[in-house]
Amino acid sequence: MNTLRQDSLAGIVVFLVALPLCLGIAQASGLPPFVGLLTGIIGGLVVTALSPSRFAVSGPAAGLVTIVVAAIESLGSFSLFLMALVLAGALQLLFGILRAGRFISLVPASVIKGMLAAIGILLIMQQIPVALGSAEETGLVDIVKGNATFSLSAIAVAAGGLLVLWLWGSPLIRRVKSLRWIPGPLIAVLLGCVTTVLMTQAAPQQLATLPRITLPAFGSLGDLLGELESPAWSAWRNPSGVGGGGNPGAGRQPRNLAEPGGAEKSCARKIRRLRRTAKWSPRGVGNLLSGVLGAMPITAGDRPQLGERQQRRAKQTVESLSTAYCC
């Protein structure tokens, strides 16, 4: 209770950054935005409560977008993907019980970095049409051929967001104590929101053709539950479904296990090995629950800079409850 004020402030900051991130990842995966919010709630309330990491922030990750899209396309439907996610969560939970995290040292670092670089390139290619204000069905090939239309307002917002991210990482901002604790992505998101509100009042025709993220309005708990998709339980014997179960939850697991956060690097080697193993079970439970409830795969990243002045559990609880209230 002595750090409640700091914990509440940190939780609100993480919530403000995580909210558009969850929406954007779900949108990029071709899923309803509400699925991304549900994933963030499960990651914050369930995985965080079980995780031994002091600074882990759990939820959907941009690095899993390509894996999710490819898995849904190969399996044929989102319900089959949820069944694969349930199996992936069960495998992660089993590996955690068997303490299989120690074997991650057998995976070369070049393989992990190459996988992440390839995913990053695909994500950049996917978001270029969005940054240029093209229609949703427009691809990068159409832009190269000159068959796409651009929006100056979208380009201005995208350029402003990139400029803010670059500026917030520069020594100029780091020297200002009153601005150093504010995350750069939060300022970029606020810039986009303020610009959208102003343009809605001043020039609504400029925003009419741009893709927007909309959330459904639920009148009751039954309406909310009706929007959730259930796994295809009858397909558990499908070999393709069983084979796909190793991808959704474990696609980003090697990087998370092989590269501990900065706060954990100072610990003893034995403790790091134990933490690597202990990370499997909480994420396995989270992915298992995500598959049952109709959410996305959950991963976690260590954010020690967010925890230098507060305790992890209170911060994550405030973040998750804020996300749940927003829904």
Protein backbone atom coordinates (compact mmCIF):
# COMPACT_ATOMS: atom_id res chain seq x y z
CA MET A 1 0.00 0.00 0.00
CA ASN A 2 2.98 2.32 0.44
CA THR A 3 3.50 2.47 -3.33
CA LEU A 4 -0.17 2.50 -4.38
CA ARG A 5 0.09 5.93 -6.02
CA GLN A 6 3.15 4.96 -8.06
CA ASP A 7 1.62 1.58 -8.93
CA SER A 8 -1.61 3.19 -10.11
CA LEU A 9 0.23 5.71 -12.28
CA ALA A 10 2.43 3.02 -13.83
CA GLY A 11 -0.59 0.80 -14.46
CA ILE A 12 -2.44 3.59 -16.24
CA VAL A 13 0.59 4.35 -18.42
CA VAL A 14 0.99 0.70 -19.41
CA PHE A 15 -2.76 0.49 -20.08
CA LEU A 16 -2.69 3.52 -22.37
CA VAL A 17 0.18 2.00 -24.36
CA ALA A 18 -1.26 -1.53 -24.38
CA LEU A 19 -4.79 -0.58 -25.44
CA PRO A 20 -4.00 0.61 -28.99
CA LEU A 21 -1.35 -2.09 -29.27
CA CYS A 22 -3.89 -4.85 -28.57
CA LEU A 23 -6.35 -3.31 -31.03
CA GLY A 24 -3.74 -2.89 -33.75
CA ILE A 25 -2.33 -6.41 -33.43
CA ALA A 26 -5.80 -7.94 -33.68
CA GLN A 27 -6.59 -5.75 -36.70
CA ALA A 28 -3.31 -6.69 -38.39
CA SER A 29 -4.09 -10.37 -37.79
CA GLY A 30 -7.46 -10.05 -39.52
CA LEU A 31 -9.40 -10.57 -36.28
CA PRO A 32 -11.99 -8.40 -34.50
CA PRO A 33 -10.36 -5.73 -32.31
CA PHE A 34 -12.20 -7.08 -29.27
CA VAL A 35 -10.11 -10.26 -29.55
CA GLY A 36 -6.98 -8.21 -28.95
CA LEU A 37 -8.49 -6.56 -25.87
CA LEU A 38 -9.48 -9.94 -24.46
CA THR A 39 -5.93 -11.18 -25.00
CA GLY A 40 -4.52 -8.22 -23.10
CA ILE A 41 -6.90 -8.83 -20.19
CA ILE A 42 -5.95 -12.50 -19.94
CA GLY A 43 -2.26 -11.68 -20.17
CA GLY A 44 -2.47 -9.02 -17.48
CA LEU A 45 -4.67 -10.82 -14.97
CA VAL A 46 -3.70 -14.48 -15.40
CA VAL A 47 -0.17 -14.69 -16.80
CA THR A 48 1.15 -11.85 -14.65
CA ALA A 49 -0.27 -13.38 -11.48
CA LEU A 50 1.54 -16.66 -12.21
CA SER A 51 4.76 -15.32 -13.74
CA PRO A 52 7.94 -15.18 -11.63
CA SER A 53 9.34 -12.30 -13.68
CA ARG A 54 9.17 -8.99 -11.84
CA PHE A 55 8.87 -6.79 -14.91
CA ALA A 56 7.04 -8.94 -17.49
CA VAL A 57 4.25 -7.32 -19.48
CA SER A 58 2.04 -10.03 -21.00
CA GLY A 59 -0.31 -9.79 -23.95
CA PRO A 60 -0.42 -10.10 -27.74
CA ALA A 61 2.77 -9.37 -29.65
CA ALA A 62 3.34 -7.93 -33.11
CA GLY A 63 5.87 -10.68 -33.80
CA LEU A 64 3.06 -13.24 -33.72
CA VAL A 65 0.94 -11.56 -36.40
CA THR A 66 2.50 -13.45 -39.30
CA ILE A 67 2.26 -16.73 -37.38
CA VAL A 68 -1.41 -16.15 -36.55
CA VAL A 69 -2.32 -15.19 -40.12
CA ALA A 70 -0.46 -18.18 -41.59
CA ALA A 71 -1.95 -20.59 -39.05
CA ILE A 72 -5.54 -19.43 -39.65
CA GLU A 73 -5.03 -19.63 -43.41
CA SER A 74 -3.54 -23.12 -43.26
CA LEU A 75 -6.10 -24.50 -40.80
CA GLY A 76 -9.07 -22.93 -42.55
CA SER A 77 -10.92 -21.12 -39.75
CA PHE A 78 -10.41 -19.20 -36.52
CA SER A 79 -12.15 -21.93 -34.50
CA LEU A 80 -9.60 -24.49 -35.69
CA PHE A 81 -6.85 -22.04 -34.82
CA LEU A 82 -8.27 -21.73 -31.29
CA MET A 83 -8.10 -25.50 -30.96
CA ALA A 84 -4.46 -25.37 -32.04
CA LEU A 85 -3.88 -22.61 -29.48
CA VAL A 86 -5.36 -24.79 -26.73
CA LEU A 87 -2.94 -27.56 -27.69
CA ALA A 88 -0.06 -25.07 -27.78
CA GLY A 89 -0.92 -23.88 -24.28
CA ALA A 90 -1.06 -27.46 -23.03
CA LEU A 91 2.37 -28.14 -24.56
CA GLN A 92 3.84 -25.03 -22.95
CA LEU A 93 2.40 -26.02 -19.59
CA LEU A 94 3.84 -29.52 -19.97
CA PHE A 95 7.27 -28.17 -20.93
CA GLY A 96 7.19 -25.94 -17.88
CA ILE A 97 6.41 -28.87 -15.60
CA LEU A 98 9.23 -30.88 -17.21
CA ARG A 99 11.60 -27.88 -16.90
CA ALA A 100 12.38 -27.95 -20.60
CA GLY A 101 13.36 -24.29 -20.69
CA ARG A 102 17.00 -25.20 -20.12
CA PHE A 103 17.16 -26.71 -23.62
CA ILE A 104 16.60 -23.30 -25.21
CA SER A 105 20.37 -22.79 -25.09
CA LEU A 106 20.60 -25.35 -27.92
CA VAL A 107 18.87 -22.93 -30.30
CA PRO A 108 21.45 -20.70 -32.04
CA ALA A 109 20.99 -16.98 -31.50
CA SER A 110 21.31 -16.40 -35.25
CA VAL A 111 18.18 -18.48 -35.85
CA ILE A 112 16.17 -16.42 -33.37
CA LYS A 113 17.43 -13.09 -34.71
CA GLY A 114 16.82 -14.18 -38.29
CA MET A 115 13.25 -15.20 -37.48
CA LEU A 116 12.56 -11.87 -35.76
CA ALA A 117 14.13 -9.92 -38.63
CA ALA A 118 11.96 -11.74 -41.17
CA ILE A 119 8.82 -11.08 -39.11
CA GLY A 120 9.77 -7.42 -38.78
CA ILE A 121 10.21 -7.05 -42.54
CA LEU A 122 6.80 -8.61 -43.17
CA LEU A 123 5.15 -6.31 -40.63
CA ILE A 124 6.75 -3.22 -42.19
CA MET A 125 5.57 -4.28 -45.64
CA GLN A 126 2.07 -4.86 -44.29
CA GLN A 127 1.84 -1.46 -42.61
CA ILE A 128 3.20 0.66 -45.46
CA PRO A 129 -0.21 0.85 -47.23
CA VAL A 130 -1.84 1.81 -43.92
CA ALA A 131 0.70 4.57 -43.32
CA LEU A 132 0.05 5.93 -46.81
CA GLY A 133 -3.72 5.94 -46.28
CA SER A 134 -4.54 3.34 -48.92
CA ALA A 135 -7.66 1.20 -48.80
CA GLU A 136 -7.68 -2.01 -46.76
CA GLU A 137 -7.50 -4.28 -49.82
CA THR A 138 -4.51 -2.39 -51.23
CA GLY A 139 -1.20 -4.21 -51.05
CA LEU A 140 2.41 -3.19 -51.44
CA VAL A 141 2.43 -4.50 -55.02
CA ASP A 142 -0.43 -2.15 -55.94
CA ILE A 143 1.52 0.78 -54.51
CA VAL A 144 4.61 -0.12 -56.54
CA LYS A 145 2.51 -0.39 -59.71
CA GLY A 146 0.87 2.97 -59.02
CA ASN A 147 -2.64 1.55 -58.62
CA ALA A 148 -3.21 2.92 -55.11
CA THR A 149 -4.54 6.19 -53.76
CA PHE A 150 -2.80 8.08 -50.98
CA SER A 151 -4.01 10.31 -48.17
CA LEU A 152 -1.93 13.29 -47.10
CA SER A 153 -3.53 13.27 -43.65
CA ALA A 154 -2.57 9.63 -43.06
CA ILE A 155 0.97 10.27 -44.27
CA ALA A 156 1.26 13.29 -41.97
CA VAL A 157 0.05 11.32 -38.94
CA ALA A 158 2.40 8.40 -39.71
CA ALA A 159 5.36 10.73 -40.21
CA GLY A 160 4.51 12.59 -37.01
CA GLY A 161 4.35 9.35 -35.05
CA LEU A 162 7.72 8.19 -36.38
CA LEU A 163 9.21 11.58 -35.57
CA VAL A 164 7.91 11.39 -32.00
CA LEU A 165 9.34 7.90 -31.54
CA TRP A 166 12.73 9.03 -32.82
CA LEU A 167 12.68 12.19 -30.73
CA TRP A 168 11.71 10.35 -27.54
CA GLY A 169 14.66 8.02 -27.95
CA SER A 170 17.15 10.84 -28.43
CA PRO A 171 19.37 12.27 -25.66
CA LEU A 172 17.43 15.54 -25.87
CA ILE A 173 14.36 14.03 -24.21
CA ARG A 174 16.30 11.70 -21.93
CA ARG A 175 17.92 14.70 -20.25
CA VAL A 176 14.51 16.13 -19.29
CA LYS A 177 13.40 14.35 -16.11
CA SER A 178 9.76 15.41 -16.45
CA LEU A 179 9.50 13.76 -19.89
CA ARG A 180 11.88 10.82 -19.51
CA TRP A 181 9.36 8.58 -17.73
CA ILE A 182 6.66 9.03 -20.41
CA PRO A 183 6.82 6.26 -23.07
CA GLY A 184 7.32 7.44 -26.62
CA PRO A 185 4.61 5.15 -28.07
CA LEU A 186 2.09 6.77 -25.72
CA ILE A 187 2.88 10.23 -27.12
CA ALA A 188 2.65 8.89 -30.68
CA VAL A 189 -0.76 7.36 -29.96
CA LEU A 190 -2.01 10.58 -28.36
CA LEU A 191 -0.77 12.53 -31.39
CA GLY A 192 -2.79 10.30 -33.70
CA CYS A 193 -5.90 10.51 -31.50
CA VAL A 194 -5.77 14.30 -31.21
CA THR A 195 -5.20 14.68 -34.96
CA THR A 196 -8.15 12.41 -35.72
CA VAL A 197 -10.46 14.34 -33.38
CA LEU A 198 -9.44 17.68 -34.88
CA MET A 199 -9.82 16.47 -38.44
CA THR A 200 -13.23 14.97 -37.64
CA GLN A 201 -14.41 18.45 -36.74
CA ALA A 202 -12.52 20.43 -39.38
CA ALA A 203 -12.29 18.13 -42.41
CA PRO A 204 -14.36 14.94 -41.96
CA GLN A 205 -14.17 14.14 -45.66
CA GLN A 206 -10.43 13.46 -45.27
CA LEU A 207 -11.15 10.59 -42.85
CA ALA A 208 -14.10 9.04 -44.66
CA THR A 209 -12.04 6.64 -46.77
CA LEU A 210 -9.44 5.72 -44.16
CA PRO A 211 -9.64 2.33 -42.37
CA ARG A 212 -10.85 2.73 -38.79
CA ILE A 213 -10.94 0.43 -35.78
CA THR A 214 -14.41 0.14 -34.25
CA LEU A 215 -15.44 -1.78 -31.15
CA PRO A 216 -18.83 -3.47 -30.79
CA ALA A 217 -21.29 -2.18 -28.18
CA PHE A 218 -22.45 -4.87 -25.77
CA GLY A 219 -25.81 -4.37 -24.10
CA SER A 220 -25.42 -7.29 -21.73
CA LEU A 221 -23.07 -10.06 -20.66
CA GLY A 222 -24.90 -12.43 -22.98
CA ASP A 223 -24.14 -10.22 -25.96
CA LEU A 224 -20.47 -10.19 -24.99
CA LEU A 225 -20.33 -13.97 -24.65
CA GLY A 226 -22.09 -14.30 -28.00
CA GLU A 227 -19.23 -12.48 -29.72
CA LEU A 228 -16.65 -14.95 -28.41
CA GLU A 229 -15.78 -17.80 -30.74
CA SER A 230 -15.26 -21.29 -29.33
CA PRO A 231 -12.58 -23.79 -30.35
CA ALA A 232 -13.51 -26.58 -32.72
CA TRP A 233 -13.32 -29.31 -30.10
CA SER A 234 -14.30 -31.97 -32.63
CA ALA A 235 -11.13 -31.30 -34.62
CA TRP A 236 -8.67 -32.33 -31.92
CA ARG A 237 -7.95 -35.52 -33.84
CA ASN A 238 -7.12 -33.57 -37.01
CA PRO A 239 -3.38 -34.05 -37.71
CA SER A 240 -3.08 -30.56 -39.20
CA GLY A 241 -4.69 -29.07 -36.10
CA VAL A 242 -2.38 -31.00 -33.81
CA GLY A 243 0.64 -30.00 -35.90
CA GLY A 244 -0.41 -26.37 -35.87
CA GLY A 245 -0.62 -26.43 -32.10
CA GLY A 246 3.11 -25.94 -31.78
CA ASN A 247 3.09 -22.63 -33.65
CA PRO A 248 0.71 -20.09 -32.06
CA GLY A 249 2.00 -20.12 -28.52
CA ALA A 250 5.58 -21.15 -29.07
CA GLY A 251 6.50 -18.98 -32.05
CA ARG A 252 7.98 -16.24 -29.88
CA GLN A 253 8.91 -18.40 -26.91
CA PRO A 254 12.57 -18.96 -27.91
CA ARG A 255 13.34 -15.23 -27.96
CA ASN A 256 11.63 -14.59 -24.63
CA LEU A 257 13.52 -17.41 -22.99
CA ALA A 258 16.87 -16.90 -24.64
CA GLU A 259 17.11 -13.17 -23.96
CA PRO A 260 16.30 -12.33 -20.34
CA GLY A 261 15.49 -8.75 -19.44
CA GLY A 262 18.09 -6.30 -18.26
CA ALA A 263 16.97 -6.63 -14.66
CA GLU A 264 17.55 -10.38 -14.78
CA LYS A 265 21.01 -10.27 -16.35
CA SER A 266 22.59 -9.41 -13.05
CA CYS A 267 21.23 -12.54 -11.37
CA ALA A 268 23.19 -15.74 -10.96
CA ARG A 269 23.26 -18.18 -13.86
CA LYS A 270 21.36 -20.80 -11.93
CA ILE A 271 18.55 -18.38 -11.13
CA ARG A 272 18.30 -17.40 -14.80
CA ARG A 273 17.92 -21.04 -15.77
CA LEU A 274 15.15 -21.50 -13.23
CA ARG A 275 13.36 -18.40 -14.51
CA ARG A 276 13.63 -19.56 -18.08
CA THR A 277 11.94 -22.80 -17.11
CA ALA A 278 9.37 -21.08 -14.92
CA LYS A 279 8.25 -18.83 -17.79
CA TRP A 280 6.73 -21.73 -19.72
CA SER A 281 3.96 -22.67 -17.30
CA PRO A 282 2.32 -19.22 -16.83
CA ARG A 283 2.27 -18.59 -20.56
CA GLY A 284 0.97 -22.09 -21.14
CA VAL A 285 -1.94 -21.40 -18.79
CA GLY A 286 -2.54 -18.06 -20.52
CA ASN A 287 -2.54 -19.56 -24.02
CA LEU A 288 -4.74 -22.42 -22.87
CA LEU A 289 -7.27 -19.95 -21.48
CA SER A 290 -6.99 -17.74 -24.57
CA GLY A 291 -7.82 -20.66 -26.81
CA VAL A 292 -10.85 -21.59 -24.73
CA LEU A 293 -12.21 -18.02 -24.58
CA GLY A 294 -11.49 -17.14 -28.22
CA ALA A 295 -8.48 -14.85 -27.84
CA MET A 296 -5.03 -14.61 -29.44
CA PRO A 297 -1.69 -16.14 -28.43
CA ILE A 298 -0.02 -14.52 -25.44
CA THR A 299 3.63 -13.71 -25.02
CA ALA A 300 5.54 -11.58 -22.57
CA GLY A 301 8.42 -9.14 -22.64
CA ASP A 302 10.49 -7.87 -19.75
CA ARG A 303 10.15 -4.12 -19.22
CA PRO A 304 12.49 -3.25 -16.35
CA GLN A 305 12.27 0.48 -17.11
CA LEU A 306 8.61 0.37 -16.11
CA GLY A 307 9.36 -1.27 -12.80
CA GLU A 308 12.18 0.72 -11.31
CA ARG A 309 9.84 2.51 -8.92
CA GLN A 310 6.94 0.11 -8.41
CA GLN A 311 5.95 -3.48 -7.75
CA ARG A 312 4.90 -5.62 -10.71
CA ARG A 313 1.69 -7.15 -9.45
CA ALA A 314 -0.09 -3.96 -8.47
CA LYS A 315 0.92 -2.31 -11.70
CA GLN A 316 -0.33 -5.15 -13.89
CA THR A 317 -3.57 -5.52 -11.95
CA VAL A 318 -4.41 -1.84 -12.44
CA GLU A 319 -3.58 -2.15 -16.13
CA SER A 320 -5.75 -5.22 -16.64
CA LEU A 321 -8.71 -3.92 -14.66
CA SER A 322 -8.54 -0.66 -16.62
CA THR A 323 -8.64 -2.61 -19.88
CA ALA A 324 -11.58 -4.68 -18.64
CA TYR A 325 -13.44 -1.51 -17.63
CA CYS A 326 -12.83 0.01 -21.06
CA CYS A 327 -14.46 -3.01 -22.70
